[in-house]
Amino acid sequence: MIYRQLGATGETISVVGFGGILCTGTTPAESAAIVGEAIDAGVTYFDVAPTYGDAEEKLGPALEPYRDKVFLACKTTRRDRDGAALELRQSLGRLKTDHFDLYQLHSMTTQEDIDQTFGPGGAAEELIEARRLGLVRHLGFSAHTEEAALACLERFEFDSVLFPTNYLIATQGNFGPRVFEAVRRRGIGFLALKALGLGLWLEGEQRGWSKCWYQPTDQADLASISLRWTLNQGVHGAPTPGHPELFRLAVAAVADGEAPMPSEEELAYLTTSLGERKPIFSV
């Protein structure tokens, strides 16, 4: 495993993150097994959200024996202070912990999201208060548009950003360069969504991965190329898609403790693999 410091937080995390959706729809025994496998592989970064079905209820008991050894991130979709306060405390209870190492505004998307969150009585007030009370240690957000991400960065001094980042999004979709630059300039934590994303499903295509709304890079060589490129963009960590097989591909890609930049030949191969698909995000 590879470990990196998360921006200026002083926290060190594994570059491969455990996406909590891995536990969605599993039995307690299955959740305990995949969490134990992650711990054995050196994974210390765990990320979950209330919107991931029953993931919090399943991850909490499975992670409880290791809680003091991991960096646990959670999120809220609520934009109002009272709603965020309620959701935060529900998540703490389900995950059997007294604090989150990182708490994030989840999927900031519209101008309305921005205005409500950072306005009077908005969720930002609750996040600041929760940090003061020690319920959360660091604050971040996730976004799926450049405009929303940049607006959040202008409105508050966040500790981290969780944003879609992979080679095909960047080169075929021209998506994200302004956010990458803004994050680097601020020196804050950079967490990558969709590092193992290939492209959108084709019309009529059988969707083999039920927890992915996109086609992931589900071949070992493609997964390695995609993840290694992302990890060479100043990224500190990348939570994986919600299937154990995909999680294991990511772990295997960095198992030797190295993540060299892919060669031009490898990147050309990755581009060819996109075929007629469209990248997951584009401008």
C-alpha atoms as a PDB file:
ATOM      1  CA  MET A   1       0.000   0.000   0.000  1.00  0.00           C
ATOM      2  CA  ILE A   2       1.004   3.618  -0.538  1.00  0.00           C
ATOM      3  CA  TYR A   3       0.279   6.321   2.045  1.00  0.00           C
ATOM      4  CA  ARG A   4       0.089  10.073   1.570  1.00  0.00           C
ATOM      5  CA  GLN A   5      -0.545  13.102   3.736  1.00  0.00           C
ATOM      6  CA  LEU A   6      -3.979  14.596   3.120  1.00  0.00           C
ATOM      7  CA  GLY A   7      -3.186  18.193   2.216  1.00  0.00           C
ATOM      8  CA  ALA A   8      -2.375  20.306   5.239  1.00  0.00           C
ATOM      9  CA  THR A   9      -4.386  18.211   7.702  1.00  0.00           C
ATOM     10  CA  GLY A  10      -1.374  16.307   9.015  1.00  0.00           C
ATOM     11  CA  GLU A  11      -3.359  13.089   8.481  1.00  0.00           C
ATOM     12  CA  THR A  12      -1.830  10.205   6.541  1.00  0.00           C
ATOM     13  CA  ILE A  13      -4.176   7.968   4.545  1.00  0.00           C
ATOM     14  CA  SER A  14      -3.921   5.020   2.180  1.00  0.00           C
ATOM     15  CA  VAL A  15      -4.189   6.050  -1.464  1.00  0.00           C
ATOM     16  CA  VAL A  16      -6.786   3.347  -2.010  1.00  0.00           C
ATOM     17  CA  GLY A  17      -9.957   4.197  -0.142  1.00  0.00           C
ATOM     18  CA  PHE A  18     -12.673   1.805   0.958  1.00  0.00           C
ATOM     19  CA  GLY A  19     -15.908   3.065  -0.575  1.00  0.00           C
ATOM     20  CA  GLY A  20     -18.603   2.338   1.995  1.00  0.00           C
ATOM     21  CA  ILE A  21     -21.002   1.256  -0.721  1.00  0.00           C
ATOM     22  CA  LEU A  22     -19.015  -1.994  -0.696  1.00  0.00           C
ATOM     23  CA  CYS A  23     -21.099  -2.874   2.360  1.00  0.00           C
ATOM     24  CA  THR A  24     -24.461  -1.951   0.854  1.00  0.00           C
ATOM     25  CA  GLY A  25     -26.792  -4.932   0.696  1.00  0.00           C
ATOM     26  CA  THR A  26     -24.349  -7.303   2.380  1.00  0.00           C
ATOM     27  CA  THR A  27     -24.808  -9.493   5.419  1.00  0.00           C
ATOM     28  CA  PRO A  28     -22.981  -8.587   8.640  1.00  0.00           C
ATOM     29  CA  ALA A  29     -20.569 -11.442   8.008  1.00  0.00           C
ATOM     30  CA  GLU A  30     -19.870 -10.279   4.462  1.00  0.00           C
ATOM     31  CA  SER A  31     -19.226  -6.732   5.645  1.00  0.00           C
ATOM     32  CA  ALA A  32     -16.896  -7.951   8.374  1.00  0.00           C
ATOM     33  CA  ALA A  33     -14.999 -10.054   5.847  1.00  0.00           C
ATOM     34  CA  ILE A  34     -14.442  -7.308   3.265  1.00  0.00           C
ATOM     35  CA  VAL A  35     -13.495  -4.755   5.947  1.00  0.00           C
ATOM     36  CA  GLY A  36     -11.039  -7.243   7.440  1.00  0.00           C
ATOM     37  CA  GLU A  37      -9.596  -7.861   3.980  1.00  0.00           C
ATOM     38  CA  ALA A  38      -9.135  -4.120   3.502  1.00  0.00           C
ATOM     39  CA  ILE A  39      -7.402  -3.733   6.854  1.00  0.00           C
ATOM     40  CA  ASP A  40      -5.084  -6.629   6.043  1.00  0.00           C
ATOM     41  CA  ALA A  41      -4.221  -4.943   2.729  1.00  0.00           C
ATOM     42  CA  GLY A  42      -3.192  -1.760   4.563  1.00  0.00           C
ATOM     43  CA  VAL A  43      -6.249   0.352   3.738  1.00  0.00           C
ATOM     44  CA  THR A  44      -6.784   3.112   6.299  1.00  0.00           C
ATOM     45  CA  TYR A  45      -9.102   5.482   4.405  1.00  0.00           C
ATOM     46  CA  PHE A  46     -12.818   4.633   4.638  1.00  0.00           C
ATOM     47  CA  ASP A  47     -15.561   6.781   3.075  1.00  0.00           C
ATOM     48  CA  VAL A  48     -19.319   6.333   3.492  1.00  0.00           C
ATOM     49  CA  ALA A  49     -22.584   8.283   3.289  1.00  0.00           C
ATOM     50  CA  PRO A  50     -26.214   7.943   4.405  1.00  0.00           C
ATOM     51  CA  THR A  51     -27.273   7.784   0.768  1.00  0.00           C
ATOM     52  CA  TYR A  52     -25.457   4.461   0.241  1.00  0.00           C
ATOM     53  CA  GLY A  53     -28.426   2.342   1.243  1.00  0.00           C
ATOM     54  CA  ASP A  54     -27.696   0.416   4.435  1.00  0.00           C
ATOM     55  CA  ALA A  55     -23.930   0.915   4.177  1.00  0.00           C
ATOM     56  CA  GLU A  56     -23.606   2.842   7.444  1.00  0.00           C
ATOM     57  CA  GLU A  57     -25.467   0.195   9.436  1.00  0.00           C
ATOM     58  CA  LYS A  58     -23.311  -2.560   7.952  1.00  0.00           C
ATOM     59  CA  LEU A  59     -19.966  -0.742   8.015  1.00  0.00           C
ATOM     60  CA  GLY A  60     -20.264   0.484  11.594  1.00  0.00           C
ATOM     61  CA  PRO A  61     -20.089  -2.896  13.376  1.00  0.00           C
ATOM     62  CA  ALA A  62     -17.550  -4.249  10.868  1.00  0.00           C
ATOM     63  CA  LEU A  63     -15.223  -1.288  11.324  1.00  0.00           C
ATOM     64  CA  GLU A  64     -15.655  -0.891  15.081  1.00  0.00           C
ATOM     65  CA  PRO A  65     -12.700  -3.160  16.050  1.00  0.00           C
ATOM     66  CA  TYR A  66     -10.371  -1.055  13.871  1.00  0.00           C
ATOM     67  CA  ARG A  67     -11.826   2.407  14.422  1.00  0.00           C
ATOM     68  CA  ASP A  68      -8.768   3.862  16.151  1.00  0.00           C
ATOM     69  CA  LYS A  69      -6.535   2.730  13.267  1.00  0.00           C
ATOM     70  CA  VAL A  70      -8.435   4.259  10.345  1.00  0.00           C
ATOM     71  CA  PHE A  71      -9.392   7.599   8.816  1.00  0.00           C
ATOM     72  CA  LEU A  72     -13.196   7.646   8.571  1.00  0.00           C
ATOM     73  CA  ALA A  73     -14.963  10.076   6.244  1.00  0.00           C
ATOM     74  CA  CYS A  74     -18.709  10.623   6.024  1.00  0.00           C
ATOM     75  CA  LYS A  75     -21.032  13.038   4.228  1.00  0.00           C
ATOM     76  CA  THR A  76     -24.338  14.895   4.367  1.00  0.00           C
ATOM     77  CA  THR A  77     -26.712  15.833   1.566  1.00  0.00           C
ATOM     78  CA  ARG A  78     -28.601  18.258   3.799  1.00  0.00           C
ATOM     79  CA  ARG A  79     -28.147  21.931   2.996  1.00  0.00           C
ATOM     80  CA  ASP A  80     -29.818  23.346   6.127  1.00  0.00           C
ATOM     81  CA  ARG A  81     -28.217  23.503   9.561  1.00  0.00           C
ATOM     82  CA  ASP A  82     -30.869  21.501  11.420  1.00  0.00           C
ATOM     83  CA  GLY A  83     -30.970  18.792   8.780  1.00  0.00           C
ATOM     84  CA  ALA A  84     -27.178  18.490   8.693  1.00  0.00           C
ATOM     85  CA  ALA A  85     -27.060  18.290  12.500  1.00  0.00           C
ATOM     86  CA  LEU A  86     -29.594  15.465  12.509  1.00  0.00           C
ATOM     87  CA  GLU A  87     -27.890  13.549   9.714  1.00  0.00           C
ATOM     88  CA  LEU A  88     -24.447  13.904  11.311  1.00  0.00           C
ATOM     89  CA  ARG A  89     -25.616  12.464  14.612  1.00  0.00           C
ATOM     90  CA  GLN A  90     -27.506   9.642  12.938  1.00  0.00           C
ATOM     91  CA  SER A  91     -24.375   8.710  11.017  1.00  0.00           C
ATOM     92  CA  LEU A  92     -22.235   8.792  14.164  1.00  0.00           C
ATOM     93  CA  GLY A  93     -24.635   6.382  15.821  1.00  0.00           C
ATOM     94  CA  ARG A  94     -24.846   3.992  12.893  1.00  0.00           C
ATOM     95  CA  LEU A  95     -21.083   3.944  12.477  1.00  0.00           C
ATOM     96  CA  LYS A  96     -20.491   3.413  16.197  1.00  0.00           C
ATOM     97  CA  THR A  97     -18.041   6.265  16.564  1.00  0.00           C
ATOM     98  CA  ASP A  98     -17.854   9.502  18.516  1.00  0.00           C
ATOM     99  CA  HIS A  99     -16.300  11.508  15.683  1.00  0.00           C
ATOM    100  CA  PHE A 100     -15.529  11.582  11.975  1.00  0.00           C
ATOM    101  CA  ASP A 101     -12.041  12.366  10.766  1.00  0.00           C
ATOM    102  CA  LEU A 102     -13.548  14.079   7.723  1.00  0.00           C
ATOM    103  CA  TYR A 103     -17.120  15.291   7.227  1.00  0.00           C
ATOM    104  CA  GLN A 104     -18.168  16.435   3.775  1.00  0.00           C
ATOM    105  CA  LEU A 105     -20.963  18.286   2.048  1.00  0.00           C
ATOM    106  CA  HIS A 106     -22.128  15.607  -0.361  1.00  0.00           C
ATOM    107  CA  SER A 107     -22.640  16.198  -4.080  1.00  0.00           C
ATOM    108  CA  MET A 108     -22.689  19.977  -4.191  1.00  0.00           C
ATOM    109  CA  THR A 109     -24.210  20.656  -7.600  1.00  0.00           C
ATOM    110  CA  THR A 110     -26.418  23.716  -8.089  1.00  0.00           C
ATOM    111  CA  GLN A 111     -26.253  27.384  -7.233  1.00  0.00           C
ATOM    112  CA  GLU A 112     -29.165  26.742  -4.902  1.00  0.00           C
ATOM    113  CA  ASP A 113     -27.008  24.192  -3.062  1.00  0.00           C
ATOM    114  CA  ILE A 114     -24.288  26.811  -2.660  1.00  0.00           C
ATOM    115  CA  ASP A 115     -26.566  29.623  -1.556  1.00  0.00           C
ATOM    116  CA  GLN A 116     -28.488  27.569   0.997  1.00  0.00           C
ATOM    117  CA  THR A 117     -25.456  25.784   2.437  1.00  0.00           C
ATOM    118  CA  PHE A 118     -23.428  28.931   3.015  1.00  0.00           C
ATOM    119  CA  GLY A 119     -26.334  31.250   3.804  1.00  0.00           C
ATOM    120  CA  PRO A 120     -27.925  31.966   7.208  1.00  0.00           C
ATOM    121  CA  GLY A 121     -29.094  28.737   8.821  1.00  0.00           C
ATOM    122  CA  GLY A 122     -27.183  26.695   6.251  1.00  0.00           C
ATOM    123  CA  ALA A 123     -25.351  23.403   6.677  1.00  0.00           C
ATOM    124  CA  ALA A 124     -21.972  25.144   6.794  1.00  0.00           C
ATOM    125  CA  GLU A 125     -22.895  26.578  10.192  1.00  0.00           C
ATOM    126  CA  GLU A 126     -23.455  23.074  11.551  1.00  0.00           C
ATOM    127  CA  LEU A 127     -20.192  21.737  10.131  1.00  0.00           C
ATOM    128  CA  ILE A 128     -18.258  24.557  11.792  1.00  0.00           C
ATOM    129  CA  GLU A 129     -20.025  23.937  15.109  1.00  0.00           C
ATOM    130  CA  ALA A 130     -19.494  20.175  14.862  1.00  0.00           C
ATOM    131  CA  ARG A 131     -15.790  20.764  14.366  1.00  0.00           C
ATOM    132  CA  ARG A 132     -15.704  23.035  17.414  1.00  0.00           C
ATOM    133  CA  LEU A 133     -17.416  20.315  19.465  1.00  0.00           C
ATOM    134  CA  GLY A 134     -14.988  17.635  18.274  1.00  0.00           C
ATOM    135  CA  LEU A 135     -17.645  15.641  16.419  1.00  0.00           C
ATOM    136  CA  VAL A 136     -15.636  16.093  13.223  1.00  0.00           C
ATOM    137  CA  ARG A 137     -11.968  16.870  12.760  1.00  0.00           C
ATOM    138  CA  HIS A 138     -11.756  18.126   9.182  1.00  0.00           C
ATOM    139  CA  LEU A 139     -14.253  19.526   6.670  1.00  0.00           C
ATOM    140  CA  GLY A 140     -14.602  18.874   2.957  1.00  0.00           C
ATOM    141  CA  PHE A 141     -17.072  18.542   0.124  1.00  0.00           C
ATOM    142  CA  SER A 142     -17.744  16.499  -2.982  1.00  0.00           C
ATOM    143  CA  ALA A 143     -18.898  17.981  -6.280  1.00  0.00           C
ATOM    144  CA  HIS A 144     -19.572  16.746  -9.796  1.00  0.00           C
ATOM    145  CA  THR A 145     -19.283  20.027 -11.710  1.00  0.00           C
ATOM    146  CA  GLU A 146     -16.370  22.431 -11.985  1.00  0.00           C
ATOM    147  CA  GLU A 147     -18.653  25.383 -11.273  1.00  0.00           C
ATOM    148  CA  ALA A 148     -19.928  23.973  -7.976  1.00  0.00           C
ATOM    149  CA  ALA A 149     -16.471  22.918  -6.839  1.00  0.00           C
ATOM    150  CA  LEU A 150     -14.948  26.311  -7.571  1.00  0.00           C
ATOM    151  CA  ALA A 151     -17.829  28.100  -5.856  1.00  0.00           C
ATOM    152  CA  CYS A 152     -17.373  26.001  -2.704  1.00  0.00           C
ATOM    153  CA  LEU A 153     -13.658  26.727  -2.658  1.00  0.00           C
ATOM    154  CA  GLU A 154     -14.369  30.446  -2.825  1.00  0.00           C
ATOM    155  CA  ARG A 155     -16.920  30.365  -0.005  1.00  0.00           C
ATOM    156  CA  PHE A 156     -15.029  28.433   2.678  1.00  0.00           C
ATOM    157  CA  GLU A 157     -11.559  27.207   3.654  1.00  0.00           C
ATOM    158  CA  PHE A 158     -12.111  23.473   3.270  1.00  0.00           C
ATOM    159  CA  ASP A 159      -9.575  20.826   4.195  1.00  0.00           C
ATOM    160  CA  SER A 160     -10.297  18.578   1.209  1.00  0.00           C
ATOM    161  CA  VAL A 161     -12.153  18.166  -2.070  1.00  0.00           C
ATOM    162  CA  LEU A 162     -13.616  14.911  -3.421  1.00  0.00           C
ATOM    163  CA  PHE A 163     -13.932  15.289  -7.191  1.00  0.00           C
ATOM    164  CA  PRO A 164     -14.111  13.069 -10.316  1.00  0.00           C
ATOM    165  CA  THR A 165     -10.576  12.509 -11.595  1.00  0.00           C
ATOM    166  CA  ASN A 166      -9.322  10.094 -14.219  1.00  0.00           C
ATOM    167  CA  TYR A 167      -7.398  10.138 -17.483  1.00  0.00           C
ATOM    168  CA  LEU A 168     -10.380   9.762 -19.815  1.00  0.00           C
ATOM    169  CA  ILE A 169     -12.391  12.460 -18.045  1.00  0.00           C
ATOM    170  CA  ALA A 170      -9.452  14.839 -18.290  1.00  0.00           C
ATOM    171  CA  THR A 171      -8.309  14.127 -21.843  1.00  0.00           C
ATOM    172  CA  GLN A 172     -11.499  13.092 -23.636  1.00  0.00           C
ATOM    173  CA  GLY A 173     -13.920  15.175 -21.592  1.00  0.00           C
ATOM    174  CA  ASN A 174     -11.676  18.173 -20.775  1.00  0.00           C
ATOM    175  CA  PHE A 175     -13.252  17.993 -17.345  1.00  0.00           C
ATOM    176  CA  GLY A 176     -11.662  19.229 -14.143  1.00  0.00           C
ATOM    177  CA  PRO A 177      -8.499  21.209 -14.955  1.00  0.00           C
ATOM    178  CA  ARG A 178      -9.699  24.379 -13.228  1.00  0.00           C
ATOM    179  CA  VAL A 179     -10.563  22.437 -10.089  1.00  0.00           C
ATOM    180  CA  PHE A 180      -7.238  20.583 -10.095  1.00  0.00           C
ATOM    181  CA  GLU A 181      -5.383  23.883 -10.285  1.00  0.00           C
ATOM    182  CA  ALA A 182      -7.485  25.535  -7.572  1.00  0.00           C
ATOM    183  CA  VAL A 183      -6.947  22.608  -5.199  1.00  0.00           C
ATOM    184  CA  ARG A 184      -3.196  22.529  -5.795  1.00  0.00           C
ATOM    185  CA  ARG A 185      -2.902  26.277  -5.351  1.00  0.00           C
ATOM    186  CA  ARG A 186      -4.598  26.045  -1.968  1.00  0.00           C
ATOM    187  CA  GLY A 187      -2.584  23.020  -0.871  1.00  0.00           C
ATOM    188  CA  ILE A 188      -5.635  21.190   0.446  1.00  0.00           C
ATOM    189  CA  GLY A 189      -6.531  17.516   0.350  1.00  0.00           C
ATOM    190  CA  PHE A 190      -7.337  16.113  -3.089  1.00  0.00           C
ATOM    191  CA  LEU A 191      -9.510  12.979  -3.129  1.00  0.00           C
ATOM    192  CA  ALA A 192     -10.469  11.387  -6.436  1.00  0.00           C
ATOM    193  CA  LEU A 193     -13.872  10.061  -7.398  1.00  0.00           C
ATOM    194  CA  LYS A 194     -14.204   7.676 -10.360  1.00  0.00           C
ATOM    195  CA  ALA A 195     -10.510   6.831 -10.593  1.00  0.00           C
ATOM    196  CA  LEU A 196     -11.592   3.445 -11.965  1.00  0.00           C
ATOM    197  CA  GLY A 197     -14.261   4.852 -14.249  1.00  0.00           C
ATOM    198  CA  LEU A 198     -14.097   3.975 -17.934  1.00  0.00           C
ATOM    199  CA  GLY A 199     -17.135   5.576 -19.540  1.00  0.00           C
ATOM    200  CA  LEU A 200     -20.899   5.693 -19.740  1.00  0.00           C
ATOM    201  CA  TRP A 201     -22.824   2.528 -20.465  1.00  0.00           C
ATOM    202  CA  LEU A 202     -23.749   2.119 -24.111  1.00  0.00           C
ATOM    203  CA  GLU A 203     -27.431   2.163 -24.998  1.00  0.00           C
ATOM    204  CA  GLY A 204     -28.882  -1.310 -24.548  1.00  0.00           C
ATOM    205  CA  GLU A 205     -25.694  -2.681 -23.005  1.00  0.00           C
ATOM    206  CA  GLN A 206     -26.004  -5.241 -20.248  1.00  0.00           C
ATOM    207  CA  ARG A 207     -24.796  -3.577 -17.082  1.00  0.00           C
ATOM    208  CA  GLY A 208     -22.586  -6.022 -15.275  1.00  0.00           C
ATOM    209  CA  TRP A 209     -21.885  -3.941 -12.163  1.00  0.00           C
ATOM    210  CA  SER A 210     -25.098  -3.166 -10.311  1.00  0.00           C
ATOM    211  CA  LYS A 211     -23.624  -0.511  -8.005  1.00  0.00           C
ATOM    212  CA  CYS A 212     -21.971   1.463 -10.824  1.00  0.00           C
ATOM    213  CA  TRP A 213     -23.991   3.858 -12.986  1.00  0.00           C
ATOM    214  CA  TYR A 214     -21.015   3.804 -15.389  1.00  0.00           C
ATOM    215  CA  GLN A 215     -18.763   1.126 -16.873  1.00  0.00           C
ATOM    216  CA  PRO A 216     -15.743   0.706 -14.592  1.00  0.00           C
ATOM    217  CA  THR A 217     -12.282  -0.359 -15.695  1.00  0.00           C
ATOM    218  CA  ASP A 218     -12.799  -3.946 -14.677  1.00  0.00           C
ATOM    219  CA  GLN A 219      -9.676  -5.450 -16.241  1.00  0.00           C
ATOM    220  CA  ALA A 220      -6.553  -5.598 -14.090  1.00  0.00           C
ATOM    221  CA  ASP A 221      -4.293  -3.868 -16.617  1.00  0.00           C
ATOM    222  CA  LEU A 222      -6.765  -1.070 -17.343  1.00  0.00           C
ATOM    223  CA  ALA A 223      -7.479  -0.550 -13.650  1.00  0.00           C
ATOM    224  CA  SER A 224      -3.774  -0.262 -12.926  1.00  0.00           C
ATOM    225  CA  ILE A 225      -3.217   2.275 -15.710  1.00  0.00           C
ATOM    226  CA  SER A 226      -6.224   4.368 -14.730  1.00  0.00           C
ATOM    227  CA  LEU A 227      -5.444   4.418 -11.014  1.00  0.00           C
ATOM    228  CA  ARG A 228      -1.739   5.103 -11.499  1.00  0.00           C
ATOM    229  CA  TRP A 229      -2.485   8.082 -13.771  1.00  0.00           C
ATOM    230  CA  THR A 230      -4.868   9.528 -11.192  1.00  0.00           C
ATOM    231  CA  LEU A 231      -2.377   9.071  -8.371  1.00  0.00           C
ATOM    232  CA  ASN A 232       0.168  11.074 -10.364  1.00  0.00           C
ATOM    233  CA  GLN A 233      -2.072  14.153 -10.463  1.00  0.00           C
ATOM    234  CA  GLY A 234      -1.439  15.249  -6.891  1.00  0.00           C
ATOM    235  CA  VAL A 235      -4.212  13.016  -5.565  1.00  0.00           C
ATOM    236  CA  HIS A 236      -3.934  11.849  -1.966  1.00  0.00           C
ATOM    237  CA  GLY A 237      -6.577   9.114  -1.990  1.00  0.00           C
ATOM    238  CA  ALA A 238      -9.228   7.497  -4.155  1.00  0.00           C
ATOM    239  CA  PRO A 239     -12.248   5.556  -2.845  1.00  0.00           C
ATOM    240  CA  THR A 240     -13.098   2.630  -5.105  1.00  0.00           C
ATOM    241  CA  PRO A 241     -16.403   1.512  -6.668  1.00  0.00           C
ATOM    242  CA  GLY A 242     -18.839  -0.617  -4.716  1.00  0.00           C
ATOM    243  CA  HIS A 243     -17.878  -4.148  -5.719  1.00  0.00           C
ATOM    244  CA  PRO A 244     -15.225  -6.283  -3.988  1.00  0.00           C
ATOM    245  CA  GLU A 245     -13.734  -7.348  -7.331  1.00  0.00           C
ATOM    246  CA  LEU A 246     -13.085  -3.719  -8.326  1.00  0.00           C
ATOM    247  CA  PHE A 247     -11.760  -2.859  -4.873  1.00  0.00           C
ATOM    248  CA  ARG A 248      -9.273  -5.717  -5.155  1.00  0.00           C
ATOM    249  CA  LEU A 249      -8.083  -4.485  -8.558  1.00  0.00           C
ATOM    250  CA  ALA A 250      -7.241  -1.116  -6.999  1.00  0.00           C
ATOM    251  CA  VAL A 251      -5.435  -2.706  -4.061  1.00  0.00           C
ATOM    252  CA  ALA A 252      -3.446  -4.935  -6.421  1.00  0.00           C
ATOM    253  CA  ALA A 253      -2.403  -1.923  -8.531  1.00  0.00           C
ATOM    254  CA  VAL A 254      -0.440  -0.425  -5.608  1.00  0.00           C
ATOM    255  CA  ALA A 255       0.406  -3.596  -3.683  1.00  0.00           C
ATOM    256  CA  ASP A 256       4.123  -3.188  -4.324  1.00  0.00           C
ATOM    257  CA  GLY A 257       4.140   0.306  -2.835  1.00  0.00           C
ATOM    258  CA  GLU A 258       4.687   2.095  -6.138  1.00  0.00           C
ATOM    259  CA  ALA A 259       2.466   3.906  -8.635  1.00  0.00           C
ATOM    260  CA  PRO A 260       4.605   4.953 -11.618  1.00  0.00           C
ATOM    261  CA  MET A 261       3.098   7.236 -14.223  1.00  0.00           C
ATOM    262  CA  PRO A 262       1.720   5.119 -17.090  1.00  0.00           C
ATOM    263  CA  SER A 263       3.630   5.149 -20.348  1.00  0.00           C
ATOM    264  CA  GLU A 264       2.296   6.787 -23.493  1.00  0.00           C
ATOM    265  CA  GLU A 265       1.607   3.300 -24.853  1.00  0.00           C
ATOM    266  CA  GLU A 266      -0.425   2.396 -21.767  1.00  0.00           C
ATOM    267  CA  LEU A 267      -2.440   5.599 -21.971  1.00  0.00           C
ATOM    268  CA  ALA A 268      -3.125   5.022 -25.667  1.00  0.00           C
ATOM    269  CA  TYR A 269      -4.377   1.546 -24.774  1.00  0.00           C
ATOM    270  CA  LEU A 270      -6.655   3.034 -22.108  1.00  0.00           C
ATOM    271  CA  THR A 271      -8.023   5.555 -24.614  1.00  0.00           C
ATOM    272  CA  THR A 272      -8.667   2.812 -27.161  1.00  0.00           C
ATOM    273  CA  SER A 273     -10.566   0.851 -24.520  1.00  0.00           C
ATOM    274  CA  LEU A 274     -13.084   3.688 -24.281  1.00  0.00           C
ATOM    275  CA  GLY A 275     -14.255   2.804 -27.784  1.00  0.00           C
ATOM    276  CA  GLU A 276     -17.583   4.397 -28.623  1.00  0.00           C
ATOM    277  CA  ARG A 277     -18.363   5.188 -25.014  1.00  0.00           C
ATOM    278  CA  LYS A 278     -18.437   8.734 -23.772  1.00  0.00           C
ATOM    279  CA  PRO A 279     -16.301   9.670 -20.754  1.00  0.00           C
ATOM    280  CA  ILE A 280     -18.236   9.762 -17.497  1.00  0.00           C
ATOM    281  CA  PHE A 281     -17.974  13.552 -17.271  1.00  0.00           C
ATOM    282  CA  SER A 282     -17.238  16.152 -19.930  1.00  0.00           C
ATOM    283  CA  VAL A 283     -17.679  19.858 -20.492  1.00  0.00           C
END
